[in-house]
């Protein structure tokens, strides 16, 4: 159970990081960097 919770937290963090990276990449594309 504890291992499953750790994996879920890690997956959630990875998904959040991917979302932030995509947002930053979109902002960079809009500014032509």
N, C-alpha and C. Protein backbone atom coordinates (compact mmCIF):
# COMPACT_ATOMS: atom_id res chain seq x y z
N UNK A 1 0.85 -1.20 0.00
CA UNK A 1 0.00 0.00 0.00
C UNK A 1 0.88 1.25 0.00
N UNK A 2 1.88 1.26 0.89
CA UNK A 2 2.76 2.43 0.95
C UNK A 2 3.51 2.60 -0.37
N UNK A 3 3.98 1.48 -0.93
CA UNK A 3 4.70 1.56 -2.21
C UNK A 3 3.79 2.12 -3.30
N UNK A 4 2.54 1.68 -3.31
CA UNK A 4 1.59 2.19 -4.31
C UNK A 4 1.38 3.69 -4.16
N UNK A 5 1.30 4.16 -2.90
CA UNK A 5 1.10 5.59 -2.67
C UNK A 5 2.32 6.37 -3.17
N UNK A 6 3.52 5.83 -2.94
CA UNK A 6 4.74 6.51 -3.40
C UNK A 6 4.75 6.59 -4.92
N UNK A 7 4.38 5.49 -5.57
CA UNK A 7 4.36 5.50 -7.04
C UNK A 7 3.34 6.51 -7.55
N UNK A 8 2.16 6.56 -6.92
CA UNK A 8 1.14 7.52 -7.36
C UNK A 8 1.63 8.95 -7.19
N UNK A 9 2.27 9.25 -6.05
CA UNK A 9 2.78 10.60 -5.84
C UNK A 9 3.84 10.94 -6.88
N UNK A 10 4.72 9.97 -7.17
CA UNK A 10 5.78 10.22 -8.15
C UNK A 10 5.18 10.45 -9.54
N UNK A 11 4.18 9.63 -9.91
CA UNK A 11 3.54 9.81 -11.23
C UNK A 11 2.86 11.16 -11.31
N UNK A 12 2.19 11.55 -10.22
CA UNK A 12 1.50 12.85 -10.22
C UNK A 12 2.52 13.98 -10.39
N UNK A 13 3.68 13.85 -9.72
CA UNK A 13 4.70 14.89 -9.83
C UNK A 13 5.26 14.94 -11.25
N UNK A 14 5.48 13.76 -11.86
CA UNK A 14 6.00 13.73 -13.23
C UNK A 14 5.00 14.37 -14.18
N UNK A 15 3.71 14.06 -14.00
CA UNK A 15 2.68 14.65 -14.87
C UNK A 15 2.67 16.17 -14.69
N UNK A 16 2.78 16.65 -13.46
CA UNK A 16 2.79 18.09 -13.22
C UNK A 16 4.01 18.72 -13.88
N UNK A 17 5.18 18.08 -13.77
CA UNK A 17 6.39 18.61 -14.40
C UNK A 17 6.22 18.68 -15.90
N UNK A 18 5.60 17.64 -16.50
CA UNK A 18 5.39 17.66 -17.95
C UNK A 18 4.48 18.81 -18.34
N UNK A 19 3.46 19.06 -17.54
CA UNK A 19 2.54 20.16 -17.83
C UNK A 19 3.28 21.49 -17.78
N UNK A 20 4.11 21.69 -16.75
CA UNK A 20 4.87 22.94 -16.62
C UNK A 20 5.83 23.09 -17.79
N UNK A 21 6.51 22.00 -18.16
CA UNK A 21 7.46 22.05 -19.27
C UNK A 21 6.74 22.40 -20.57
N UNK A 22 5.57 21.81 -20.79
CA UNK A 22 4.82 22.12 -22.01
C UNK A 22 4.39 23.59 -22.02
N UNK A 23 3.98 24.11 -20.86
CA UNK A 23 3.57 25.51 -20.79
C UNK A 23 4.76 26.42 -21.08
N UNK A 24 5.92 26.11 -20.48
CA UNK A 24 7.11 26.93 -20.73
C UNK A 24 7.51 26.87 -22.19
N UNK A 25 7.43 25.67 -22.80
CA UNK A 25 7.80 25.53 -24.20
C UNK A 25 6.85 26.35 -25.08
N UNK A 26 5.55 26.34 -24.74
CA UNK A 26 4.58 27.10 -25.51
C UNK A 26 4.87 28.60 -25.38
N UNK A 27 5.20 29.06 -24.17
CA UNK A 27 5.52 30.47 -23.99
C UNK A 27 6.77 30.84 -24.79
N UNK A 28 7.77 29.97 -24.79
CA UNK A 28 8.99 30.25 -25.55
C UNK A 28 8.69 30.31 -27.04
N UNK A 29 7.82 29.42 -27.52
CA UNK A 29 7.45 29.44 -28.94
C UNK A 29 6.72 30.74 -29.27
N UNK A 30 5.85 31.20 -28.39
CA UNK A 30 5.10 32.43 -28.65
C UNK A 30 6.04 33.62 -28.73
N UNK A 31 7.11 33.61 -27.92
CA UNK A 31 8.03 34.74 -27.93
C UNK A 31 9.13 34.56 -28.95
N UNK A 32 9.17 33.44 -29.64
CA UNK A 32 10.15 33.23 -30.70
C UNK A 32 11.56 32.99 -30.18
N UNK A 33 11.69 32.47 -28.96
CA UNK A 33 13.02 32.21 -28.41
C UNK A 33 13.56 30.90 -28.98
